[in-house]
């Protein structure tokens, strides 16, 4: 997937008010090439759109990165901002991912795709 496509996919996922299986599957397929089979089985047993599944994906794609989430939990009208940084204590990270949207798992996934589009190669 090209960088432009990562950003396009992130933008499409972020605006969705709910989980979209097809778009989430595209994102997981992109990143899952680096994941151990055990973790893939765990994700497949649950829901690809779950927050836990997305956090496992972030852990493998960007190990050791800080994850922050802020927002209002309000059913389909949540207002979430998720930030992925190399360090939770520095402001000058070269690569950062910021995702926003009404669905927390989508905002996290958008942040991951944006961080990956900025230079981290899978």
Protein backbone atom coordinates (compact mmCIF):
# COMPACT_ATOMS: atom_id res chain seq x y z
CA UNK A 1 0.00 0.00 0.00
CA UNK A 2 1.39 3.41 -0.91
CA UNK A 3 1.67 6.31 1.53
CA UNK A 4 -1.24 8.16 -0.10
CA UNK A 5 -3.40 5.07 0.34
CA UNK A 6 -2.50 4.82 4.04
CA UNK A 7 -3.64 8.39 4.56
CA UNK A 8 -6.79 7.83 2.49
CA UNK A 9 -7.62 4.69 4.43
CA UNK A 10 -7.03 6.50 7.75
CA UNK A 11 -9.28 9.37 6.69
CA UNK A 12 -12.05 6.99 5.60
CA UNK A 13 -11.88 5.00 8.85
CA UNK A 14 -11.78 8.03 11.14
CA UNK A 15 -15.03 9.60 9.95
CA UNK A 16 -17.11 6.46 10.40
CA UNK A 17 -19.50 6.58 13.37
CA UNK A 18 -19.24 2.78 13.78
CA UNK A 19 -16.95 -0.13 12.95
CA UNK A 20 -16.64 -0.99 9.24
CA UNK A 21 -15.46 -4.58 8.74
CA UNK A 22 -14.07 -4.14 5.22
CA UNK A 23 -11.99 -1.03 5.95
CA UNK A 24 -10.76 -2.42 9.27
CA UNK A 25 -9.77 -5.66 7.54
CA UNK A 26 -7.69 -3.68 5.01
CA UNK A 27 -5.85 -1.92 7.81
CA UNK A 28 -5.27 -5.13 9.78
CA UNK A 29 -4.05 -6.99 6.70
CA UNK A 30 -1.53 -4.25 6.03
CA UNK A 31 -0.01 -4.35 9.51
CA UNK A 32 -0.56 -8.02 10.39
CA UNK A 33 2.29 -9.21 8.17
CA UNK A 34 4.56 -8.39 11.13
CA UNK A 35 2.48 -10.09 13.80
CA UNK A 36 3.03 -13.51 15.38
CA UNK A 37 0.43 -16.13 14.53
CA UNK A 38 -0.71 -16.36 18.17
CA UNK A 39 -1.71 -12.71 18.21
CA UNK A 40 -3.45 -12.99 14.86
CA UNK A 41 -5.47 -15.93 16.20
CA UNK A 42 -6.43 -13.88 19.27
CA UNK A 43 -7.60 -10.99 17.11
CA UNK A 44 -9.55 -13.26 14.77
CA UNK A 45 -11.27 -14.93 17.74
CA UNK A 46 -12.48 -11.55 18.93
CA UNK A 47 -13.51 -8.56 16.90
CA UNK A 48 -11.17 -6.74 14.55
CA UNK A 49 -12.91 -3.52 15.52
CA UNK A 50 -12.39 -3.96 19.25
CA UNK A 51 -10.17 -1.54 21.09
CA UNK A 52 -8.12 -4.45 22.46
CA UNK A 53 -7.46 -5.79 18.95
CA UNK A 54 -6.35 -2.38 17.69
CA UNK A 55 -4.03 -1.95 20.69
CA UNK A 56 -2.41 -5.34 19.95
CA UNK A 57 -1.92 -4.17 16.36
CA UNK A 58 -0.32 -0.90 17.55
CA UNK A 59 1.91 -2.85 19.94
CA UNK A 60 3.33 -4.91 17.08
CA UNK A 61 3.53 -2.15 14.49
CA UNK A 62 5.03 0.46 16.83
CA UNK A 63 6.47 -1.41 19.83
CA UNK A 64 7.19 0.76 22.84
CA UNK A 65 5.27 3.78 21.57
CA UNK A 66 3.10 5.82 23.93
CA UNK A 67 -0.66 5.72 23.31
CA UNK A 68 -2.90 8.48 24.60
CA UNK A 69 -6.65 8.76 24.24
CA UNK A 70 -8.87 11.66 25.16
CA UNK A 71 -12.50 12.18 24.44
CA UNK A 72 -16.10 11.94 25.41
CA UNK A 73 -17.66 8.49 25.53
CA UNK A 74 -21.06 9.18 24.07
CA UNK A 75 -22.35 6.21 22.08
CA UNK A 76 -22.12 7.05 18.35
CA UNK A 77 -21.34 10.71 18.97
CA UNK A 78 -18.07 10.35 20.85
CA UNK A 79 -15.34 12.85 20.21
CA UNK A 80 -12.04 10.99 20.43
CA UNK A 81 -8.48 12.06 19.79
CA UNK A 82 -5.77 9.39 19.89
CA UNK A 83 -2.09 10.17 19.72
CA UNK A 84 0.76 7.73 19.09
CA UNK A 85 4.28 8.94 19.91
CA UNK A 86 7.67 7.32 20.25
CA UNK A 87 7.81 8.65 23.78
CA UNK A 88 5.19 9.99 26.14
CA UNK A 89 7.66 12.49 27.58
CA UNK A 90 8.99 14.24 24.45
CA UNK A 91 7.35 16.73 22.11
CA UNK A 92 9.77 16.43 19.19
CA UNK A 93 9.10 12.95 17.83
CA UNK A 94 9.94 12.64 14.14
CA UNK A 95 6.94 10.39 13.51
CA UNK A 96 3.60 10.84 15.22
CA UNK A 97 0.10 9.61 14.53
CA UNK A 98 -3.02 11.52 15.49
CA UNK A 99 -6.45 10.06 14.86
CA UNK A 100 -9.80 11.67 15.54
CA UNK A 101 -13.37 10.55 15.27
CA UNK A 102 -16.60 9.44 16.90
CA UNK A 103 -15.52 5.78 17.36
CA UNK A 104 -12.52 5.14 19.67
CA UNK A 105 -11.21 2.07 17.85
CA UNK A 106 -11.43 3.89 14.51
CA UNK A 107 -9.53 6.90 15.92
CA UNK A 108 -6.80 4.56 17.20
CA UNK A 109 -6.59 2.79 13.86
CA UNK A 110 -6.45 6.12 12.02
CA UNK A 111 -3.59 7.26 14.27
CA UNK A 112 -1.68 4.05 13.54
CA UNK A 113 -2.06 4.36 9.78
CA UNK A 114 -1.00 8.02 9.88
CA UNK A 115 2.09 7.20 11.95
CA UNK A 116 3.03 4.44 9.51
CA UNK A 117 2.55 6.75 6.53
CA UNK A 118 5.17 9.13 7.91
CA UNK A 119 8.10 6.85 7.40
CA UNK A 120 7.88 3.64 9.36
CA UNK A 121 8.07 0.87 6.77
CA UNK A 122 6.43 -2.50 7.26
